């Protein structure tokens, strides 16, 4: 296990390094003159030159990437136009719009995204696994057809459409809940929970559809295996067959997918955060793209990519722990 974990972590570090090269090149090299893009079309050559200096784009491409790595591991200094500002490691850069450290900005916005991601994932697993298991057990019944129709509808419905429908139905028409306005957990836990309820339901129901389909197919596949027929032939109760044996075969793929999805949501549930005004990484990314704040865009994209890469490592480990047939080499 330890040897496999070290190998996976080493490969993850390599992938993250390659990802940093791609992201840096995509936003700073591919646009041509990134300083002009960040400054805007109405900027004079002198203003573009000033922006180029602030972003550190007045050096060769390899030197720019070297400075980026230096910031990650040792920190670096940035010119703010009126002085020099030091950014401690790990430094993802300095916001062009606010002169705020990108790392600090990410850490400030991460709790909101984490609260959304973990709450939605718990709801998605409970609803998805329960619905999928019930569909498999009641295969061929009217209930199974209705649940299948619901999961197919959930899979094909965009999350922002589902969120808008819930906002109109729950907040505007039925008035069961006020329109969500994010409150930090440390300020008021009760108000935080009430305001996060609708975003959790929106993202959780959207994600639960895939878990329902995956659980149903895995459970049906396990129920068709020979050892399940043997248990039934020996008179093992059907409830025990389903919960102790069939469900065990459906757990590994669900666990692996949930770890990967959680990493993606921690990187930023862009549409959900933008729809409900949650100040998380996804909304930060959208706002930075609109303001052409390249350092923030690069930093947030790199954090999202890192979260997905690490989630893949966790998913592999959880799959191996959940399925004893898998050997770690």
Protein backbone atom coordinates (compact mmCIF):
# COMPACT_ATOMS: atom_id res chain seq x y z
CA UNK A 1 0.00 0.00 0.00
CA UNK A 2 2.72 2.49 0.95
CA UNK A 3 4.70 1.78 -2.20
CA UNK A 4 1.62 2.20 -4.38
CA UNK A 5 0.69 5.43 -2.61
CA UNK A 6 4.17 6.87 -3.16
CA UNK A 7 4.03 5.95 -6.85
CA UNK A 8 0.61 7.56 -7.27
CA UNK A 9 1.69 10.71 -5.44
CA UNK A 10 4.84 10.95 -7.57
CA UNK A 11 2.78 10.62 -10.74
CA UNK A 12 0.29 13.18 -9.39
CA UNK A 13 3.11 15.68 -8.78
CA UNK A 14 4.32 15.14 -12.35
CA UNK A 15 0.81 15.68 -13.74
CA UNK A 16 0.40 18.86 -11.67
CA UNK A 17 3.74 20.13 -12.96
CA UNK A 18 2.68 19.48 -16.56
CA UNK A 19 -0.67 21.12 -15.79
CA UNK A 20 1.09 24.24 -14.51
CA UNK A 21 3.09 24.47 -17.74
CA UNK A 22 -0.06 24.12 -19.87
CA UNK A 23 -2.06 26.63 -17.81
CA UNK A 24 0.76 29.17 -17.79
CA UNK A 25 1.25 28.86 -21.54
CA UNK A 26 -2.50 28.93 -22.25
CA UNK A 27 -3.08 32.25 -20.51
CA UNK A 28 0.25 34.04 -20.91
CA UNK A 29 1.71 32.77 -24.21
CA UNK A 30 -1.17 31.76 -26.48
CA UNK A 31 -3.00 35.17 -26.38
CA UNK A 32 0.07 36.80 -27.94
CA UNK A 33 0.40 39.99 -25.91
CA UNK A 34 -1.22 39.03 -22.61
CA UNK A 35 -0.45 42.47 -21.15
CA UNK A 36 -2.55 44.14 -23.84
CA UNK A 37 -5.37 41.68 -23.26
CA UNK A 38 -5.32 42.39 -19.50
CA UNK A 39 -5.06 46.16 -19.96
CA UNK A 40 -7.76 46.50 -22.62
CA UNK A 41 -8.02 47.85 -26.13
CA UNK A 42 -8.06 51.52 -25.09
CA UNK A 43 -4.74 51.37 -23.25
CA UNK A 44 -1.83 53.39 -24.58
CA UNK A 45 1.54 51.71 -25.30
CA UNK A 46 2.90 53.20 -22.07
CA UNK A 47 0.04 51.70 -20.04
CA UNK A 48 0.50 48.31 -21.72
CA UNK A 49 4.22 48.43 -20.86
CA UNK A 50 3.36 49.19 -17.24
CA UNK A 51 0.93 46.25 -17.10
CA UNK A 52 3.56 44.01 -18.72
CA UNK A 53 5.99 44.93 -15.97
CA UNK A 54 3.43 44.35 -13.21
CA UNK A 55 2.55 40.91 -14.57
CA UNK A 56 6.21 39.99 -15.05
CA UNK A 57 5.75 39.56 -18.79
CA UNK A 58 8.78 41.67 -19.68
CA UNK A 59 11.00 38.57 -19.41
CA UNK A 60 11.45 35.56 -21.73
CA UNK A 61 8.81 32.85 -21.52
CA UNK A 62 11.04 30.35 -19.70
CA UNK A 63 12.06 33.02 -17.20
CA UNK A 64 8.38 33.86 -16.59
CA UNK A 65 7.60 30.24 -15.79
CA UNK A 66 10.71 30.03 -13.62
CA UNK A 67 9.51 33.03 -11.62
CA UNK A 68 6.11 31.34 -11.28
CA UNK A 69 7.72 28.21 -9.81
CA UNK A 70 9.90 30.37 -7.59
CA UNK A 71 6.77 31.96 -6.18
CA UNK A 72 5.27 28.56 -5.42
CA UNK A 73 8.27 27.24 -3.53
CA UNK A 74 10.14 30.30 -2.24
CA UNK A 75 7.91 33.34 -2.71
CA UNK A 76 8.62 36.32 -4.95
CA UNK A 77 8.40 40.11 -5.23
CA UNK A 78 5.91 41.94 -7.46
CA UNK A 79 5.93 45.49 -8.77
CA UNK A 80 2.68 47.30 -7.97
CA UNK A 81 3.52 50.45 -9.93
CA UNK A 82 4.15 52.47 -6.79
CA UNK A 83 6.37 49.99 -4.97
CA UNK A 84 7.29 46.36 -4.47
CA UNK A 85 5.04 43.82 -2.73
CA UNK A 86 6.35 40.51 -1.42
CA UNK A 87 4.25 37.35 -1.78
CA UNK A 88 5.12 34.47 0.54
CA UNK A 89 5.24 30.87 -0.69
CA UNK A 90 3.15 29.20 -1.92
CA UNK A 91 2.51 32.23 -4.09
CA UNK A 92 0.09 31.87 -7.00
CA UNK A 93 0.55 35.45 -8.06
CA UNK A 94 -0.82 38.89 -7.34
CA UNK A 95 -4.23 40.05 -8.53
CA UNK A 96 -3.89 42.64 -11.27
CA UNK A 97 -7.16 44.32 -10.25
CA UNK A 98 -6.86 44.42 -6.43
CA UNK A 99 -3.15 43.72 -5.69
CA UNK A 100 -4.36 40.91 -3.41
CA UNK A 101 -2.38 37.68 -3.16
CA UNK A 102 -4.11 34.98 -5.19
CA UNK A 103 -3.27 32.33 -2.58
CA UNK A 104 -4.99 34.36 0.14
CA UNK A 105 -7.96 34.96 -2.15
CA UNK A 106 -8.29 31.22 -2.80
CA UNK A 107 -8.09 30.40 0.92
CA UNK A 108 -10.78 32.98 1.66
CA UNK A 109 -13.15 31.58 -0.96
CA UNK A 110 -12.42 27.88 -0.34
CA UNK A 111 -14.68 27.45 2.78
CA UNK A 112 -17.77 28.51 0.81
CA UNK A 113 -17.00 26.04 -1.97
CA UNK A 114 -16.17 23.29 0.54
CA UNK A 115 -19.47 23.76 2.39
CA UNK A 116 -21.37 23.56 -0.90
CA UNK A 117 -19.42 20.54 -2.14
CA UNK A 118 -19.62 18.38 0.99
CA UNK A 119 -23.29 19.10 1.64
CA UNK A 120 -24.27 18.42 -1.96
CA UNK A 121 -22.19 15.23 -2.08
CA UNK A 122 -23.85 13.80 1.04
CA UNK A 123 -27.29 14.51 -0.41
CA UNK A 124 -26.28 13.08 -3.81
CA UNK A 125 -25.03 9.83 -2.28
CA UNK A 126 -28.06 9.34 -0.04
CA UNK A 127 -30.59 10.04 -2.78
CA UNK A 128 -28.64 8.46 -5.63
CA UNK A 129 -27.63 5.21 -3.93
CA UNK A 130 -31.06 4.79 -2.33
CA UNK A 131 -32.88 5.41 -5.63
CA UNK A 132 -30.55 3.14 -7.59
CA UNK A 133 -30.84 0.31 -5.08
CA UNK A 134 -34.62 0.55 -5.00
CA UNK A 135 -34.77 0.55 -8.81
CA UNK A 136 -32.65 -2.59 -8.96
CA UNK A 137 -34.68 -4.44 -6.34
CA UNK A 138 -38.03 -3.47 -7.93
CA UNK A 139 -36.87 -4.14 -11.48
CA UNK A 140 -39.73 -4.23 -13.97
CA UNK A 141 -42.24 -2.55 -11.66
CA UNK A 142 -44.02 0.75 -12.17
CA UNK A 143 -41.90 2.25 -9.40
CA UNK A 144 -38.70 1.24 -11.18
CA UNK A 145 -39.88 2.83 -14.44
CA UNK A 146 -40.82 6.04 -12.63
CA UNK A 147 -37.45 6.21 -10.85
CA UNK A 148 -35.61 5.53 -14.11
CA UNK A 149 -37.54 8.34 -15.80
CA UNK A 150 -36.63 10.71 -12.97
CA UNK A 151 -32.94 9.81 -13.09
CA UNK A 152 -32.82 10.20 -16.87
CA UNK A 153 -34.52 13.60 -16.53
CA UNK A 154 -32.03 14.61 -13.84
CA UNK A 155 -29.10 13.51 -15.98
CA UNK A 156 -30.25 15.55 -18.97
CA UNK A 157 -31.35 18.70 -17.10
CA UNK A 158 -28.66 21.41 -16.77
CA UNK A 159 -27.93 22.41 -13.19
CA UNK A 160 -28.77 26.08 -13.77
CA UNK A 161 -32.23 25.15 -15.12
CA UNK A 162 -32.87 22.98 -12.07
CA UNK A 163 -31.68 25.78 -9.79
CA UNK A 164 -33.89 28.38 -11.46
CA UNK A 165 -36.93 26.10 -11.22
CA UNK A 166 -36.28 25.51 -7.52
CA UNK A 167 -35.80 29.24 -6.90
CA UNK A 168 -39.08 30.08 -8.61
CA UNK A 169 -41.02 27.25 -6.96
CA UNK A 170 -39.60 27.26 -3.41
CA UNK A 171 -38.71 30.94 -2.94
CA UNK A 172 -41.05 32.88 -5.24
CA UNK A 173 -44.24 30.80 -5.57
CA UNK A 174 -44.45 28.69 -2.39
CA UNK A 175 -42.32 31.08 -0.29
CA UNK A 176 -41.03 28.24 1.88
CA UNK A 177 -37.54 29.72 1.94
CA UNK A 178 -36.15 33.21 1.46
CA UNK A 179 -33.92 33.83 -1.53
CA UNK A 180 -30.46 32.50 -0.58
CA UNK A 181 -27.90 35.02 0.65
CA UNK A 182 -24.64 33.43 1.71
CA UNK A 183 -23.72 33.80 5.39
CA UNK A 184 -20.39 32.36 6.66
CA UNK A 185 -20.69 29.37 8.98
CA UNK A 186 -18.68 31.13 11.70
CA UNK A 187 -21.05 34.13 11.73
CA UNK A 188 -24.39 32.32 12.07
CA UNK A 189 -24.49 28.49 11.68
CA UNK A 190 -28.29 28.30 11.55
CA UNK A 191 -28.63 31.01 8.92
CA UNK A 192 -25.73 29.46 6.99
CA UNK A 193 -27.54 26.11 6.86
CA UNK A 194 -30.85 27.63 5.73
CA UNK A 195 -29.17 29.65 2.99
CA UNK A 196 -27.14 26.65 1.78
CA UNK A 197 -30.15 24.32 1.72
CA UNK A 198 -31.35 25.23 -1.77
CA UNK A 199 -27.84 25.15 -3.35
CA UNK A 200 -27.27 21.75 -1.71
CA UNK A 201 -30.55 20.44 -3.13
CA UNK A 202 -29.81 21.86 -6.59
CA UNK A 203 -26.31 20.43 -6.92
CA UNK A 204 -27.11 17.28 -4.93
CA UNK A 205 -30.12 16.32 -7.05
CA UNK A 206 -28.18 17.03 -10.23
CA UNK A 207 -25.30 14.78 -9.12
CA UNK A 208 -27.57 12.10 -7.62
CA UNK A 209 -28.88 11.09 -11.05
CA UNK A 210 -25.54 9.58 -12.10
CA UNK A 211 -25.18 7.74 -8.78
CA UNK A 212 -28.67 6.31 -9.14
CA UNK A 213 -27.89 4.93 -12.60
CA UNK A 214 -24.49 3.62 -11.52
CA UNK A 215 -25.88 1.97 -8.39
CA UNK A 216 -28.73 0.37 -10.32
CA UNK A 217 -26.50 -1.10 -13.03
CA UNK A 218 -23.87 -2.32 -10.53
CA UNK A 219 -26.49 -3.87 -8.25
CA UNK A 220 -28.22 -5.66 -11.14
CA UNK A 221 -24.87 -6.98 -12.32
CA UNK A 222 -24.05 -8.26 -8.84
CA UNK A 223 -27.52 -9.82 -8.39
CA UNK A 224 -26.95 -11.86 -11.57
CA UNK A 225 -23.72 -13.45 -10.28
CA UNK A 226 -23.49 -17.08 -9.19
CA UNK A 227 -22.78 -16.47 -5.50
CA UNK A 228 -26.03 -14.48 -5.17
CA UNK A 229 -27.97 -17.41 -6.61
CA UNK A 230 -26.21 -19.65 -4.08
CA UNK A 231 -27.23 -17.43 -1.17
CA UNK A 232 -30.84 -17.48 -2.35
CA UNK A 233 -30.75 -21.24 -2.81
CA UNK A 234 -29.59 -21.63 0.81
CA UNK A 235 -32.56 -19.56 1.96
CA UNK A 236 -30.75 -16.36 2.91
CA UNK A 237 -33.37 -13.61 3.38
CA UNK A 238 -33.72 -11.31 0.37
CA UNK A 239 -33.05 -8.21 2.45
CA UNK A 240 -29.74 -9.66 3.60
CA UNK A 241 -28.85 -10.70 0.05
CA UNK A 242 -29.41 -7.17 -1.20
CA UNK A 243 -27.93 -5.12 1.64
CA UNK A 244 -24.99 -7.33 2.65
CA UNK A 245 -23.93 -8.87 -0.64
CA UNK A 246 -25.41 -7.15 -3.69
CA UNK A 247 -24.85 -3.64 -2.37
CA UNK A 248 -21.25 -4.50 -1.56
CA UNK A 249 -20.59 -5.08 -5.25
CA UNK A 250 -22.14 -1.72 -6.15
CA UNK A 251 -20.17 0.28 -3.58
CA UNK A 252 -16.65 0.40 -5.18
CA UNK A 253 -17.55 2.30 -8.38
CA UNK A 254 -19.79 4.67 -6.43
CA UNK A 255 -17.01 5.40 -3.92
CA UNK A 256 -14.48 6.02 -6.68
CA UNK A 257 -16.82 8.33 -8.60
CA UNK A 258 -17.82 10.26 -5.47
CA UNK A 259 -14.17 10.99 -4.62
CA UNK A 260 -13.56 12.28 -8.14
CA UNK A 261 -16.75 14.37 -8.17
CA UNK A 262 -15.93 15.83 -4.76
CA UNK A 263 -12.55 16.94 -6.07
CA UNK A 264 -14.22 18.58 -9.03
CA UNK A 265 -16.77 20.36 -6.84
CA UNK A 266 -14.06 21.52 -4.45
CA UNK A 267 -12.39 23.05 -7.49
CA UNK A 268 -15.48 25.15 -7.97
CA UNK A 269 -19.12 24.44 -8.76
CA UNK A 270 -19.18 27.36 -11.19
CA UNK A 271 -22.83 27.39 -12.26
CA UNK A 272 -24.29 26.72 -8.81
CA UNK A 273 -22.14 29.34 -7.11
CA UNK A 274 -22.91 31.94 -9.77
CA UNK A 275 -26.65 31.21 -9.64
CA UNK A 276 -26.96 31.50 -5.86
CA UNK A 277 -24.28 34.17 -5.35
CA UNK A 278 -22.01 31.96 -3.23
CA UNK A 279 -18.57 33.61 -2.96
CA UNK A 280 -16.60 30.45 -3.74
CA UNK A 281 -13.90 29.49 -6.19
CA UNK A 282 -16.32 29.05 -9.08
CA UNK A 283 -17.79 32.53 -8.76
CA UNK A 284 -14.28 33.94 -8.26
CA UNK A 285 -13.20 32.34 -11.52
CA UNK A 286 -16.15 33.80 -13.42
CA UNK A 287 -15.59 37.28 -11.97
CA UNK A 288 -11.86 37.12 -12.78
CA UNK A 289 -12.56 36.10 -16.37
CA UNK A 290 -14.95 39.02 -16.76
CA UNK A 291 -12.36 41.40 -15.32
CA UNK A 292 -9.50 39.76 -17.29
CA UNK A 293 -7.58 39.31 -14.04
CA UNK A 294 -5.10 36.80 -15.47
CA UNK A 295 -3.15 35.96 -12.26
CA UNK A 296 -6.39 35.06 -10.45
CA UNK A 297 -7.65 33.03 -13.41
CA UNK A 298 -4.37 31.10 -13.63
CA UNK A 299 -4.26 30.51 -9.88
CA UNK A 300 -7.86 29.30 -9.57
CA UNK A 301 -7.59 27.05 -12.65
CA UNK A 302 -4.41 25.53 -11.25
CA UNK A 303 -6.09 24.91 -7.89
CA UNK A 304 -9.07 23.28 -9.62
CA UNK A 305 -6.76 21.06 -11.68
CA UNK A 306 -4.76 20.10 -8.60
CA UNK A 307 -7.96 19.18 -6.74
CA UNK A 308 -9.04 16.91 -9.61
CA UNK A 309 -5.62 15.23 -9.83
CA UNK A 310 -5.50 14.55 -6.09
CA UNK A 311 -9.10 13.34 -6.17
CA UNK A 312 -8.05 10.74 -8.76
CA UNK A 313 -5.43 9.43 -6.34
CA UNK A 314 -7.98 9.24 -3.53
CA UNK A 315 -10.50 7.56 -5.84
CA UNK A 316 -8.00 4.84 -6.79
CA UNK A 317 -7.19 4.15 -3.13
CA UNK A 318 -10.84 4.07 -2.06
CA UNK A 319 -11.74 1.76 -4.93
CA UNK A 320 -8.98 -0.66 -3.90
CA UNK A 321 -10.10 -0.57 -0.27
CA UNK A 322 -13.76 -1.11 -1.19
CA UNK A 323 -13.07 -3.95 -3.64
CA UNK A 324 -10.75 -6.64 -2.28
CA UNK A 325 -10.30 -8.11 -5.75
CA UNK A 326 -8.22 -5.10 -6.75
CA UNK A 327 -4.49 -5.45 -6.09
CA UNK A 328 -2.26 -2.44 -5.62
CA UNK A 329 1.01 -2.69 -7.52
